[in-house]
């Protein structure tokens, strides 16, 4: 995170929390000013820059919500991240509807706060850019599309990535539902956030839900909320993610994992823009933009009845397919540089450069785990690196997927052939069982399924061998 010209304001009456946040944000390269109360913040002299406010809800005198309202009345536009130790649901709804970027309950992870601040600073920059643009450039898409350089949070310049960013520019100003597909680790949530940040909803909440991480019995309650007594353990009313996202965007990651009854409820939200809490009878309107993502083959899921056809067509209004990292190989040097700088700052090391052989190795690898795997390998290497030149341990890469194509060349036809032969050999050994084949290869099933589709491998023929 490199925001030298921005200042993060922290308002919290807990001195230890202020000190902790000062250390965390300082180590991330951010400027920071702290305040013990809302009154102190309002009476202080502050730099006039695109910045954000990390605000405790429970404060002596003026509360965090009172300060938010005071700033709004004074037309002071600062993206706000609320933090609280109480997790009060009605307070959360009020904060999000009033325009808070994020609401974090103590204790929260450092990465959660840093990600929220990055999003808030991006919103602040967009507001400043919008104010300084000539009026005719802000009318109905007359402005020329941004180059990829305007996507500060997305690294790369490959043709495949530029195609995705062009799609983001096209759909962002609309309220169209978007379906993002692609392998695990390709950055689908990053693209969803980019769409939100470039939409008219950017000043409202972006609410992310991982549908695969929530038990099927609880997913409806998580999305739509529940009334007290709706089921065993429902001791009080719960506000769902759709209510929290009112006026903003909800991102449904791994939407292909939704159970059948929840698919039906989601279809109603998309069709009628309303829903009921679990155990409730009152219809609640939902002014929410839906962006969904999946690494599953929804066409195959529809064939087997695991995914509703009508829901697919409602979600697939504007499809965006994320390219795997092996198809944007020219972006790897930029990604490596970005992650090395970020990880070095995180572990407190100074790097002079990147070992040439290590860079060649990283470019020759096919990255079955995509960008997420690249980040993990770099962070792990950074921790054990004992020199000022960044070096990667080859043993940490899956041997079967390391090749030696010419440096800077795209993923070669020869390498695709080798990969296809390897996968077919393993499928033959496992009698066409994809799960077992994925385990043998040491990659996620979803990644193998994507490779099978892209390489046009017929798995049925191995089941008769």
Protein backbone atom coordinates (compact mmCIF):
# COMPACT_ATOMS: atom_id res chain seq x y z
CA UNK A 1 0.00 0.00 0.00
CA UNK A 2 1.65 3.21 -1.13
CA UNK A 3 -0.36 6.29 -0.18
CA UNK A 4 2.28 8.90 0.59
CA UNK A 5 -0.04 11.84 -0.07
CA UNK A 6 -2.96 10.52 1.96
CA UNK A 7 -3.58 10.61 5.67
CA UNK A 8 -5.65 8.11 7.63
CA UNK A 9 -7.48 9.61 10.60
CA UNK A 10 -8.18 7.39 13.61
CA UNK A 11 -10.72 8.41 16.26
CA UNK A 12 -10.77 6.04 19.26
CA UNK A 13 -10.86 6.79 22.99
CA UNK A 14 -8.74 3.69 23.74
CA UNK A 15 -5.09 4.82 23.86
CA UNK A 16 -3.76 1.29 23.34
CA UNK A 17 -5.92 0.89 20.23
CA UNK A 18 -4.63 4.22 18.87
CA UNK A 19 -1.04 3.13 19.46
CA UNK A 20 -1.67 -0.26 17.85
CA UNK A 21 -3.26 1.28 14.76
CA UNK A 22 -0.47 3.86 14.51
CA UNK A 23 2.11 1.05 14.40
CA UNK A 24 0.09 -1.06 11.93
CA UNK A 25 -0.68 1.74 9.48
CA UNK A 26 2.80 3.20 9.79
CA UNK A 27 4.35 -0.15 8.89
CA UNK A 28 2.09 -0.20 5.82
CA UNK A 29 3.57 3.11 4.66
CA UNK A 30 0.55 5.25 5.56
CA UNK A 31 0.47 8.66 7.21
CA UNK A 32 -1.75 8.69 10.30
CA UNK A 33 -3.28 11.16 12.74
CA UNK A 34 -5.05 9.94 15.89
CA UNK A 35 -7.73 11.58 18.03
CA UNK A 36 -9.22 10.58 21.40
CA UNK A 37 -12.71 11.97 20.73
CA UNK A 38 -15.04 13.26 18.05
CA UNK A 39 -14.79 16.78 19.47
CA UNK A 40 -10.98 16.69 19.20
CA UNK A 41 -11.28 15.57 15.57
CA UNK A 42 -13.76 18.30 14.66
CA UNK A 43 -11.65 21.09 16.21
CA UNK A 44 -8.29 19.93 14.84
CA UNK A 45 -6.43 21.16 11.78
CA UNK A 46 -6.29 18.36 9.23
CA UNK A 47 -4.58 18.04 5.83
CA UNK A 48 -6.94 18.53 2.89
CA UNK A 49 -6.16 15.28 1.05
CA UNK A 50 -8.06 12.25 -0.24
CA UNK A 51 -8.06 10.27 2.98
CA UNK A 52 -10.22 8.09 5.19
CA UNK A 53 -11.50 7.98 8.75
CA UNK A 54 -11.23 4.92 11.02
CA UNK A 55 -13.92 5.68 13.59
CA UNK A 56 -14.89 3.97 16.83
CA UNK A 57 -18.67 3.83 17.38
CA UNK A 58 -18.65 4.21 21.17
CA UNK A 59 -16.95 7.52 22.04
CA UNK A 60 -17.23 9.92 24.98
CA UNK A 61 -19.45 12.89 24.13
CA UNK A 62 -20.32 12.70 20.44
CA UNK A 63 -20.61 9.08 19.29
CA UNK A 64 -19.11 7.81 16.06
CA UNK A 65 -22.51 7.89 14.38
CA UNK A 66 -23.04 11.48 15.56
CA UNK A 67 -19.68 12.45 14.07
CA UNK A 68 -20.61 10.75 10.79
CA UNK A 69 -23.82 12.79 10.63
CA UNK A 70 -22.01 16.02 11.55
CA UNK A 71 -19.52 15.50 8.73
CA UNK A 72 -22.33 14.76 6.27
CA UNK A 73 -24.18 17.96 7.24
CA UNK A 74 -20.98 19.97 6.78
CA UNK A 75 -20.51 18.31 3.36
CA UNK A 76 -17.13 16.92 4.46
CA UNK A 77 -16.64 13.82 2.31
CA UNK A 78 -14.34 11.35 4.03
CA UNK A 79 -14.75 7.60 3.47
CA UNK A 80 -15.50 6.07 6.89
CA UNK A 81 -14.59 2.68 8.36
CA UNK A 82 -16.42 1.96 11.62
CA UNK A 83 -14.86 -0.20 14.34
CA UNK A 84 -16.64 -1.35 17.48
CA UNK A 85 -16.35 -3.82 20.31
CA UNK A 86 -20.08 -4.26 20.58
CA UNK A 87 -21.30 -5.48 17.20
CA UNK A 88 -24.72 -3.87 17.65
CA UNK A 89 -26.78 -4.83 14.58
CA UNK A 90 -29.14 -1.82 14.37
CA UNK A 91 -26.08 0.42 14.73
CA UNK A 92 -24.38 -1.49 11.92
CA UNK A 93 -27.35 -0.96 9.61
CA UNK A 94 -27.49 2.76 10.39
CA UNK A 95 -23.77 3.13 9.74
CA UNK A 96 -23.82 1.23 6.44
CA UNK A 97 -26.94 3.01 5.17
CA UNK A 98 -25.37 6.35 6.06
CA UNK A 99 -22.48 5.56 3.75
CA UNK A 100 -19.82 3.74 5.76
CA UNK A 101 -17.33 1.83 3.62
CA UNK A 102 -16.89 -1.01 6.13
CA UNK A 103 -17.92 -2.02 9.65
CA UNK A 104 -15.42 -4.13 11.63
CA UNK A 105 -16.04 -5.72 15.02
CA UNK A 106 -13.14 -5.88 17.47
CA UNK A 107 -11.00 -7.89 17.48
CA UNK A 108 -10.43 -7.75 13.72
CA UNK A 109 -7.53 -9.01 11.62
CA UNK A 110 -4.90 -6.51 10.46
CA UNK A 111 -5.48 -7.57 6.85
CA UNK A 112 -9.21 -6.80 7.13
CA UNK A 113 -8.52 -3.23 8.20
CA UNK A 114 -5.77 -2.66 5.63
CA UNK A 115 -8.01 -3.94 2.83
CA UNK A 116 -10.85 -1.69 3.99
CA UNK A 117 -8.50 1.33 4.12
CA UNK A 118 -7.23 0.57 0.62
CA UNK A 119 -10.82 0.53 -0.62
CA UNK A 120 -11.64 3.76 1.24
CA UNK A 121 -8.60 5.61 -0.13
CA UNK A 122 -9.53 4.50 -3.63
CA UNK A 123 -13.04 5.93 -3.12
CA UNK A 124 -11.49 9.20 -1.92
CA UNK A 125 -9.27 9.45 -4.98
CA UNK A 126 -12.24 8.80 -7.27
CA UNK A 127 -14.21 11.61 -5.63
CA UNK A 128 -11.31 14.03 -6.14
CA UNK A 129 -10.87 12.96 -9.78
CA UNK A 130 -14.60 13.36 -10.41
CA UNK A 131 -14.58 16.91 -8.97
CA UNK A 132 -11.66 18.00 -11.16
CA UNK A 133 -12.95 16.52 -14.44
CA UNK A 134 -14.55 18.89 -16.98
CA UNK A 135 -18.35 18.68 -16.82
CA UNK A 136 -18.72 17.35 -20.35
CA UNK A 137 -16.52 14.37 -19.47
CA UNK A 138 -18.94 13.18 -16.78
CA UNK A 139 -22.01 12.87 -18.98
CA UNK A 140 -23.38 9.49 -19.97
CA UNK A 141 -20.15 7.72 -20.78
CA UNK A 142 -18.73 10.50 -22.96
CA UNK A 143 -15.43 10.25 -21.17
CA UNK A 144 -12.78 8.10 -22.78
CA UNK A 145 -12.25 4.78 -21.02
CA UNK A 146 -9.48 4.72 -18.44
CA UNK A 147 -6.31 2.85 -19.27
CA UNK A 148 -5.25 0.04 -16.99
CA UNK A 149 -3.04 2.56 -15.17
CA UNK A 150 -6.18 3.91 -13.49
CA UNK A 151 -6.80 0.53 -11.85
CA UNK A 152 -4.23 1.08 -9.12
CA UNK A 153 -5.32 -2.07 -7.29
CA UNK A 154 -4.93 -4.34 -10.35
CA UNK A 155 -1.46 -5.19 -11.65
CA UNK A 156 -0.70 -6.09 -15.25
CA UNK A 157 -0.85 -4.96 -18.87
CA UNK A 158 -1.46 -8.20 -20.79
CA UNK A 159 -4.03 -8.39 -23.57
CA UNK A 160 -6.12 -10.83 -21.52
CA UNK A 161 -6.21 -8.50 -18.52
CA UNK A 162 -6.92 -5.41 -20.64
CA UNK A 163 -9.93 -7.24 -22.05
CA UNK A 164 -11.28 -7.77 -18.52
CA UNK A 165 -10.63 -4.15 -17.51
CA UNK A 166 -12.41 -2.93 -20.62
CA UNK A 167 -15.43 -4.99 -19.55
CA UNK A 168 -15.23 -3.46 -16.06
CA UNK A 169 -15.25 0.05 -17.54
CA UNK A 170 -18.25 -0.82 -19.70
CA UNK A 171 -20.48 -2.38 -17.03
CA UNK A 172 -19.49 -0.38 -13.93
CA UNK A 173 -21.66 2.72 -14.59
CA UNK A 174 -24.75 0.54 -15.01
CA UNK A 175 -26.74 -1.44 -12.43
CA UNK A 176 -26.50 -4.66 -14.46
CA UNK A 177 -25.98 -7.95 -12.64
CA UNK A 178 -22.51 -9.38 -13.35
CA UNK A 179 -21.32 -13.00 -13.30
CA UNK A 180 -17.55 -13.44 -12.98
CA UNK A 181 -16.19 -16.88 -13.82
CA UNK A 182 -12.69 -18.31 -13.65
CA UNK A 183 -10.38 -20.59 -11.76
CA UNK A 184 -9.66 -20.28 -8.05
CA UNK A 185 -7.19 -17.51 -7.24
CA UNK A 186 -7.58 -15.45 -10.43
CA UNK A 187 -8.81 -12.32 -8.61
CA UNK A 188 -12.58 -12.45 -9.08
CA UNK A 189 -13.30 -10.45 -5.91
CA UNK A 190 -10.77 -7.81 -6.95
CA UNK A 191 -12.68 -7.32 -10.20
CA UNK A 192 -15.99 -7.18 -8.30
CA UNK A 193 -14.59 -4.44 -6.07
CA UNK A 194 -13.28 -2.57 -9.14
CA UNK A 195 -16.80 -2.59 -10.62
CA UNK A 196 -18.26 -1.28 -7.36
CA UNK A 197 -15.64 1.46 -7.00
CA UNK A 198 -16.36 2.75 -10.51
CA UNK A 199 -20.13 2.77 -10.08
CA UNK A 200 -22.55 5.34 -8.69
CA UNK A 201 -22.77 3.06 -5.63
CA UNK A 202 -19.10 3.51 -4.72
CA UNK A 203 -19.88 5.67 -1.68
CA UNK A 204 -22.13 2.95 -0.23
CA UNK A 205 -21.33 -0.50 1.14
CA UNK A 206 -19.62 -3.35 -0.68
CA UNK A 207 -20.67 -6.54 1.12
CA UNK A 208 -18.83 -9.76 0.29
CA UNK A 209 -20.26 -13.22 1.02
CA UNK A 210 -18.41 -16.50 0.42
CA UNK A 211 -21.32 -18.87 -0.22
CA UNK A 212 -19.09 -21.95 -0.02
CA UNK A 213 -17.81 -21.05 3.46
CA UNK A 214 -21.27 -20.94 5.10
CA UNK A 215 -23.13 -24.14 6.06
CA UNK A 216 -26.18 -24.74 3.81
CA UNK A 217 -28.49 -24.59 6.85
CA UNK A 218 -27.31 -21.06 7.68
CA UNK A 219 -26.82 -19.44 4.27
CA UNK A 220 -30.40 -18.11 4.00
CA UNK A 221 -30.11 -16.47 7.43
CA UNK A 222 -26.75 -14.99 6.47
CA UNK A 223 -28.08 -13.50 3.24
CA UNK A 224 -31.59 -12.44 4.24
CA UNK A 225 -31.49 -12.35 8.05
CA UNK A 226 -33.88 -14.02 10.48
CA UNK A 227 -36.48 -13.16 13.08
CA UNK A 228 -36.17 -14.04 16.74
CA UNK A 229 -37.33 -17.62 17.33
CA UNK A 230 -37.17 -18.54 13.63
CA UNK A 231 -35.17 -21.65 14.54
CA UNK A 232 -33.29 -23.13 17.47
CA UNK A 233 -30.60 -20.69 18.53
CA UNK A 234 -32.25 -17.64 16.94
CA UNK A 235 -32.31 -15.64 20.18
CA UNK A 236 -32.64 -12.25 18.50
CA UNK A 237 -33.39 -10.69 15.14
CA UNK A 238 -30.51 -10.82 12.68
CA UNK A 239 -30.05 -8.42 9.80
CA UNK A 240 -28.87 -10.16 6.63
CA UNK A 241 -26.19 -9.16 4.16
CA UNK A 242 -28.71 -7.89 1.61
CA UNK A 243 -30.01 -5.34 4.12
CA UNK A 244 -26.48 -4.26 5.00
CA UNK A 245 -25.76 -3.77 1.29
CA UNK A 246 -28.82 -1.54 0.73
CA UNK A 247 -27.87 1.15 -1.78
CA UNK A 248 -24.57 -0.57 -2.49
CA UNK A 249 -23.26 -3.83 -3.94
CA UNK A 250 -23.35 -7.42 -2.70
CA UNK A 251 -20.72 -9.84 -3.98
CA UNK A 252 -21.79 -13.50 -3.91
CA UNK A 253 -18.58 -15.49 -4.23
CA UNK A 254 -18.85 -19.21 -5.10
CA UNK A 255 -22.53 -18.73 -6.01
CA UNK A 256 -22.50 -22.19 -7.60
CA UNK A 257 -22.41 -23.69 -4.09
CA UNK A 258 -25.80 -22.28 -3.05
CA UNK A 259 -28.34 -24.93 -1.97
CA UNK A 260 -31.53 -25.28 -4.02
CA UNK A 261 -33.89 -23.47 -1.62
CA UNK A 262 -31.53 -20.49 -1.33
CA UNK A 263 -31.25 -20.35 -5.13
CA UNK A 264 -35.03 -19.92 -5.24
CA UNK A 265 -34.92 -17.08 -2.70
CA UNK A 266 -32.08 -15.37 -4.59
CA UNK A 267 -34.04 -15.62 -7.83
CA UNK A 268 -36.89 -13.73 -6.18
CA UNK A 269 -34.52 -10.96 -5.06
CA UNK A 270 -33.20 -10.59 -8.60
CA UNK A 271 -36.70 -10.61 -10.12
CA UNK A 272 -38.69 -8.57 -7.60
CA UNK A 273 -35.99 -6.79 -5.58
CA UNK A 274 -37.50 -7.95 -2.28
CA UNK A 275 -37.18 -10.76 0.26
CA UNK A 276 -38.27 -11.86 3.73
CA UNK A 277 -36.13 -12.70 6.72
CA UNK A 278 -36.15 -16.36 7.72
CA UNK A 279 -39.22 -16.82 9.94
CA UNK A 280 -40.63 -13.45 8.91
CA UNK A 281 -43.64 -12.37 6.83
CA UNK A 282 -42.76 -8.76 6.05
CA UNK A 283 -41.34 -8.09 2.58
CA UNK A 284 -38.15 -6.01 2.59
CA UNK A 285 -37.13 -4.02 -0.46
CA UNK A 286 -33.54 -4.43 -1.64
CA UNK A 287 -31.84 -1.68 -3.64
CA UNK A 288 -28.74 -3.79 -4.16
CA UNK A 289 -26.55 -4.50 -7.15
CA UNK A 290 -25.59 -8.17 -7.37
CA UNK A 291 -22.19 -9.35 -8.58
CA UNK A 292 -21.71 -13.12 -8.45
CA UNK A 293 -18.66 -15.28 -9.04
CA UNK A 294 -17.92 -18.97 -9.38
CA UNK A 295 -15.13 -21.36 -10.34
CA UNK A 296 -17.67 -24.07 -11.16
CA UNK A 297 -19.02 -24.98 -14.60
CA UNK A 298 -22.60 -23.71 -14.20
CA UNK A 299 -23.62 -25.11 -17.59
CA UNK A 300 -22.73 -28.59 -16.35
CA UNK A 301 -24.47 -27.88 -13.03
CA UNK A 302 -27.64 -26.89 -14.89
CA UNK A 303 -27.51 -30.12 -16.89
CA UNK A 304 -27.46 -32.18 -13.68
CA UNK A 305 -30.08 -29.99 -11.99
CA UNK A 306 -27.67 -28.74 -9.33
CA UNK A 307 -28.14 -25.12 -10.46
CA UNK A 308 -31.35 -23.45 -11.62
CA UNK A 309 -31.48 -22.43 -15.28
CA UNK A 310 -33.59 -19.34 -14.57
CA UNK A 311 -31.22 -18.17 -11.84
CA UNK A 312 -28.24 -18.60 -14.17
CA UNK A 313 -29.82 -16.39 -16.82
CA UNK A 314 -30.66 -13.75 -14.20
CA UNK A 315 -27.06 -13.72 -12.97
CA UNK A 316 -25.42 -13.96 -16.38
CA UNK A 317 -26.62 -10.56 -17.65
CA UNK A 318 -23.04 -9.37 -18.12
CA UNK A 319 -20.48 -12.21 -18.00
CA UNK A 320 -16.78 -11.62 -17.31
CA UNK A 321 -14.33 -14.50 -17.57
CA UNK A 322 -11.10 -14.18 -15.59
CA UNK A 323 -8.04 -15.52 -17.42
CA UNK A 324 -5.78 -17.90 -15.48
CA UNK A 325 -2.29 -16.62 -14.76
CA UNK A 326 -0.74 -18.98 -17.32
CA UNK A 327 -2.66 -17.06 -20.03
CA UNK A 328 -1.29 -13.68 -18.90
CA UNK A 329 2.29 -14.78 -18.40
CA UNK A 330 3.68 -11.38 -19.39
CA UNK A 331 2.10 -9.94 -16.21
CA UNK A 332 4.16 -12.18 -13.92
CA UNK A 333 7.22 -9.85 -13.63
CA UNK A 334 4.97 -6.94 -12.60
CA UNK A 335 3.06 -9.12 -10.13
CA UNK A 336 6.30 -10.45 -8.66
CA UNK A 337 7.66 -6.93 -8.20
CA UNK A 338 4.38 -5.83 -6.58
CA UNK A 339 4.21 -8.78 -4.17
CA UNK A 340 7.93 -8.64 -3.32
CA UNK A 341 7.63 -4.96 -2.35
CA UNK A 342 4.46 -5.63 -0.35
CA UNK A 343 5.81 -8.71 1.44
CA UNK A 344 9.18 -7.09 2.17
CA UNK A 345 7.39 -4.22 3.90
CA UNK A 346 5.24 -6.68 5.82
CA UNK A 347 8.17 -8.68 7.22
CA UNK A 348 10.45 -5.65 7.63
CA UNK A 349 13.09 -6.47 5.02
CA UNK A 350 14.79 -4.38 2.34
CA UNK A 351 15.15 -5.89 -1.11
CA UNK A 352 17.74 -4.70 -3.63
CA UNK A 353 16.30 -6.69 -6.53
CA UNK A 354 14.93 -10.00 -7.79
CA UNK A 355 17.19 -12.93 -8.61
CA UNK A 356 17.15 -13.46 -12.41
CA UNK A 357 16.93 -17.26 -12.19
CA UNK A 358 14.08 -16.99 -9.71
CA UNK A 359 12.15 -14.72 -12.08
CA UNK A 360 12.71 -17.15 -14.95
CA UNK A 361 11.49 -20.00 -12.75
CA UNK A 362 8.34 -18.09 -11.76
CA UNK A 363 7.62 -17.30 -15.41
CA UNK A 364 8.07 -20.93 -16.45
CA UNK A 365 5.61 -22.28 -13.87
CA UNK A 366 1.98 -22.84 -14.89
CA UNK A 367 0.47 -21.64 -11.58
CA UNK A 368 -2.44 -24.03 -10.96
CA UNK A 369 -3.37 -21.85 -7.96
CA UNK A 370 -3.03 -18.67 -10.04
CA UNK A 371 -2.30 -15.27 -8.43
CA UNK A 372 -3.13 -16.49 -4.92
CA UNK A 373 -0.48 -19.21 -5.23
CA UNK A 374 2.05 -16.70 -6.60
CA UNK A 375 1.47 -14.42 -3.62
CA UNK A 376 1.85 -17.32 -1.18
CA UNK A 377 5.10 -18.52 -2.78
CA UNK A 378 6.57 -15.02 -2.69
CA UNK A 379 5.56 -14.40 0.93
CA UNK A 380 7.00 -17.76 2.00
CA UNK A 381 10.23 -17.07 0.09
CA UNK A 382 10.47 -13.60 1.59
CA UNK A 383 10.30 -14.97 5.13
CA UNK A 384 13.31 -17.28 4.64
CA UNK A 385 15.27 -15.04 2.23
CA UNK A 386 18.71 -14.21 3.70
CA UNK A 387 20.00 -11.89 0.97
CA UNK A 388 18.94 -8.53 -0.46
CA UNK A 389 18.17 -10.23 -3.77
CA UNK A 390 14.83 -12.02 -3.69
CA UNK A 391 15.27 -15.78 -4.29
CA UNK A 392 12.59 -18.48 -4.73
CA UNK A 393 12.99 -22.07 -3.54
CA UNK A 394 12.15 -24.32 -6.51
CA UNK A 395 11.03 -27.08 -4.14
CA UNK A 396 7.95 -25.02 -3.25
CA UNK A 397 6.60 -25.29 -6.80
CA UNK A 398 4.71 -28.38 -7.94
CA UNK A 399 7.31 -30.31 -9.96
CA UNK A 400 4.91 -31.52 -12.65
CA UNK A 401 4.08 -27.95 -13.67
CA UNK A 402 7.59 -26.48 -13.90
CA UNK A 403 8.89 -26.13 -17.46
CA UNK A 404 11.52 -24.01 -19.17
CA UNK A 405 9.96 -22.01 -22.03
CA UNK A 406 11.93 -19.06 -23.43
CA UNK A 407 11.83 -16.04 -21.12
CA UNK A 408 9.06 -13.63 -22.05
CA UNK A 409 7.32 -16.04 -24.44
CA UNK A 410 3.60 -16.82 -24.01
CA UNK A 411 2.39 -20.19 -22.80
CA UNK A 412 3.65 -22.42 -25.64
CA UNK A 413 1.69 -24.97 -27.61
CA UNK A 414 4.27 -27.55 -26.64
CA UNK A 415 3.68 -26.90 -22.95
CA UNK A 416 -0.09 -27.18 -23.42
CA UNK A 417 0.44 -30.54 -25.09
CA UNK A 418 2.62 -31.72 -22.20
CA UNK A 419 0.05 -30.60 -19.66
CA UNK A 420 -2.77 -32.32 -21.56
CA UNK A 421 -0.79 -35.57 -21.75
CA UNK A 422 -0.09 -35.46 -18.02
CA UNK A 423 -3.73 -34.88 -17.11
CA UNK A 424 -4.92 -37.64 -19.47
CA UNK A 425 -2.39 -40.07 -17.97
CA UNK A 426 -3.64 -39.37 -14.45
CA UNK A 427 -7.30 -39.59 -15.54
CA UNK A 428 -6.58 -42.99 -17.07
CA UNK A 429 -5.00 -44.14 -13.81
CA UNK A 430 -8.00 -42.92 -11.78
CA UNK A 431 -10.64 -44.30 -14.22
CA UNK A 432 -11.84 -40.79 -15.04
CA UNK A 433 -12.46 -39.80 -11.41
CA UNK A 434 -11.72 -36.07 -11.42
CA UNK A 435 -11.47 -35.72 -7.63
CA UNK A 436 -8.86 -38.47 -7.38
CA UNK A 437 -6.97 -37.08 -10.35
CA UNK A 438 -6.87 -33.64 -8.75
CA UNK A 439 -5.55 -35.15 -5.51
CA UNK A 440 -2.87 -37.05 -7.44
CA UNK A 441 -1.80 -33.88 -9.24
CA UNK A 442 -1.90 -31.87 -6.03
CA UNK A 443 -4.26 -29.18 -7.34
CA UNK A 444 -7.86 -28.18 -6.45
CA UNK A 445 -10.63 -30.08 -8.24
CA UNK A 446 -11.99 -26.78 -9.61
CA UNK A 447 -8.61 -26.02 -11.18
CA UNK A 448 -8.45 -29.43 -12.82
CA UNK A 449 -12.03 -29.08 -14.10
CA UNK A 450 -11.10 -25.76 -15.69
CA UNK A 451 -8.02 -27.30 -17.32
CA UNK A 452 -10.12 -30.22 -18.64
CA UNK A 453 -12.53 -27.74 -20.24
CA UNK A 454 -9.84 -25.51 -21.73
CA UNK A 455 -7.86 -28.48 -23.08
CA UNK A 456 -11.06 -30.14 -24.37
CA UNK A 457 -10.42 -33.45 -22.59
CA UNK A 458 -13.27 -36.00 -22.69
CA UNK A 459 -13.28 -37.59 -19.22
CA UNK A 460 -15.98 -40.10 -20.19
CA UNK A 461 -13.63 -42.14 -22.33
CA UNK A 462 -11.42 -42.89 -19.33
CA UNK A 463 -14.31 -44.35 -17.35
CA UNK A 464 -14.56 -47.27 -19.76
CA UNK A 465 -10.86 -48.09 -19.70
